[in-house]
Protein backbone atom coordinates (compact mmCIF):
# COMPACT_ATOMS: atom_id res chain seq x y z
CA MET A 1 5.10 4.84 3.06
CA VAL A 2 1.76 3.16 3.40
CA SER A 3 0.12 1.40 6.31
CA ILE A 4 -1.35 -2.04 5.80
CA PHE A 5 -4.69 -3.03 7.31
CA GLU A 6 -6.59 -6.29 7.07
CA VAL A 7 -10.37 -5.97 7.46
CA GLU A 8 -12.61 -8.99 7.89
CA THR A 9 -16.31 -8.22 7.36
CA ILE A 10 -19.19 -10.46 8.43
CA VAL A 11 -22.65 -9.43 7.22
CA THR A 12 -25.67 -11.20 8.72
CA ARG A 13 -29.22 -10.71 7.47
CA TRP A 14 -31.85 -10.69 10.19
CA ASP A 15 -34.74 -11.59 7.92
CA PRO A 16 -35.26 -14.55 5.56
CA PRO A 17 -33.16 -16.16 4.16
CA PHE A 18 -30.96 -15.30 7.23
CA ASP A 19 -27.74 -15.66 5.24
CA LYS A 20 -24.24 -14.71 6.34
CA THR A 21 -21.31 -13.57 4.21
CA ASN A 22 -17.69 -13.32 5.28
CA THR A 23 -15.04 -11.38 3.32
CA THR A 24 -11.45 -10.37 4.07
CA GLN A 25 -9.67 -7.47 2.37
CA VAL A 26 -6.21 -5.97 2.70
CA PHE A 27 -5.80 -2.20 2.30
CA ASN A 28 -2.63 -0.17 1.67
CA VAL A 29 -3.47 3.25 3.11
CA LYS A 30 -1.75 6.64 3.29
CA LYS A 31 -2.31 9.13 6.11
CA GLY A 32 -5.68 10.89 5.73
CA GLU A 33 -7.03 8.30 3.30
CA LEU A 34 -10.49 6.70 3.67
CA PHE A 35 -10.77 2.93 3.28
CA ASP A 36 -13.13 -0.05 3.54
CA MET A 37 -16.20 1.09 1.59
CA GLU A 38 -19.25 -0.59 3.13
CA GLU A 39 -21.56 -1.49 0.24
CA HIS A 40 -24.68 -1.65 2.43
CA MET A 41 -24.16 1.89 3.74
CA LYS A 42 -22.44 3.40 0.66
CA GLU A 43 -19.68 5.02 2.73
CA ASP A 44 -16.19 4.29 4.02
CA THR A 45 -15.81 2.82 7.49
CA PHE A 46 -12.27 3.91 8.41
CA MET A 47 -9.75 6.70 7.85
CA LEU A 48 -6.08 6.60 8.81
CA ARG A 49 -5.27 9.58 11.07
CA GLU A 50 -1.71 8.76 12.20
CA GLU A 51 0.82 5.97 11.93
CA ASN A 52 3.83 5.33 14.10
CA GLY A 53 5.57 2.06 13.29
CA ASP A 54 3.81 -0.43 15.56
CA THR A 55 0.64 1.65 16.20
CA ALA A 56 -1.88 3.49 14.06
CA ILE A 57 -4.77 5.79 14.94
CA VAL A 58 -7.87 5.30 12.82
CA GLU A 59 -11.11 7.23 12.73
CA TYR A 60 -14.19 5.03 12.38
CA ASP A 61 -17.77 5.70 11.32
CA ARG A 62 -19.89 6.53 14.37
CA LYS A 63 -22.57 4.06 13.26
CA PHE A 64 -20.11 1.35 14.30
CA ILE A 65 -19.60 0.50 17.96
CA PRO A 66 -16.30 -1.02 19.19
CA LYS A 67 -16.72 -4.46 20.75
CA LYS A 68 -14.78 -5.30 23.94
CA GLY A 69 -11.65 -3.59 25.09
CA ILE A 70 -10.52 -0.06 25.75
CA TYR A 71 -10.90 2.58 23.10
CA THR A 72 -10.54 6.35 22.92
CA ALA A 73 -13.80 7.96 21.88
CA ASN A 74 -14.49 11.65 21.78
CA THR A 75 -17.28 12.75 24.11
CA ASP A 76 -18.86 15.00 21.48
CA SER A 77 -21.08 12.77 19.33
CA ILE A 78 -20.49 15.01 16.29
CA ALA A 79 -16.71 14.69 16.59
CA PRO A 80 -15.04 11.74 14.87
CA GLN A 81 -14.47 8.54 16.82
CA THR A 82 -10.85 7.39 16.97
CA MET A 83 -9.02 4.29 18.13
CA ARG A 84 -5.36 3.37 18.52
CA LEU A 85 -4.58 0.02 16.88
CA HIS A 86 -1.53 -2.01 17.84
CA GLN A 87 0.24 -4.05 15.20
CA GLY A 88 -1.09 -7.60 14.96
CA LYS A 89 -3.90 -7.11 17.51
CA PRO A 90 -7.37 -7.18 15.92
CA VAL A 91 -10.19 -4.90 17.09
CA GLU A 92 -13.87 -5.61 16.35
CA PHE A 93 -16.66 -3.16 15.52
CA SER A 94 -20.39 -3.83 15.19
CA PHE A 95 -23.18 -2.19 13.22
CA MET A 96 -26.65 -3.30 14.33
CA TRP A 97 -29.10 -0.91 12.70
CA GLY A 98 -31.72 -1.97 10.18
CA ASN A 99 -32.25 -5.50 8.92
CA ILE A 100 -28.56 -6.46 8.76
CA GLY A 101 -25.79 -6.86 11.30
CA ILE A 102 -22.20 -6.05 10.30
CA THR A 103 -19.11 -7.02 12.25
CA LYS A 104 -15.72 -5.69 11.16
CA LYS A 105 -12.45 -6.98 12.53
CA ILE A 106 -9.57 -4.64 11.66
CA THR A 107 -5.94 -5.60 12.17
CA TYR A 108 -3.04 -3.18 11.70
CA GLN A 109 -0.31 -5.11 9.87
CA GLY A 110 2.40 -2.43 9.97
CA MET A 111 3.98 -0.08 7.49
CA ASN A 112 5.19 -1.00 4.03
CA GLY A 113 8.70 0.26 3.37
CA GLU A 114 9.53 0.90 7.00
CA ARG A 115 12.51 -1.45 6.84
CA LYS A 116 14.77 -1.88 3.84
CA PRO A 117 15.74 -5.47 3.06
CA ASP A 118 19.39 -6.41 3.32
CA THR A 119 20.44 -6.59 -0.33
CA GLU A 120 24.20 -6.80 0.13
CA LYS A 121 25.76 -10.08 -0.86
CA ARG A 122 28.02 -11.45 1.79
CA GLU A 123 30.57 -14.10 1.17
CA GLU A 124 30.71 -16.91 3.62
CA VAL A 125 34.23 -17.38 4.87
CA PRO A 126 34.90 -20.95 5.98
CA GLU A 127 36.29 -21.28 9.44
CA GLN A 128 39.96 -22.08 9.48
CA PRO A 129 41.39 -24.32 12.15
CA VAL A 130 43.45 -22.57 14.78
CA ASP A 131 47.01 -23.84 15.03
CA GLU A 132 47.77 -25.07 18.50
CA LEU A 133 51.09 -24.00 19.94
């Protein structure tokens, strides 16, 4: 089974021409797999640590800082930073070093293959009137 994540990335240049780009990508990720390669930094932003149906724990690059909300961060700055994501609830991260600003909004979409579709064909039986006594 794979977990599905949607990552929206907004890159803003802080020097002329002050342009902004916005991209959205969907990733199908297995446990322990890195994803979301950031082209400006030449490294992946996230790694899936655990998945559990409606939640997933991801490790994120420590150059990114979570925006708003509660997150679980390790106190040791060398240790990886982790966050629990709830299905359908986006979490934002910011990178503000150098001459660009990067905002990433990651949304856990759930697991692919967690529920099998109902493939049985069922015949519809028309209701028959009940005889009154």
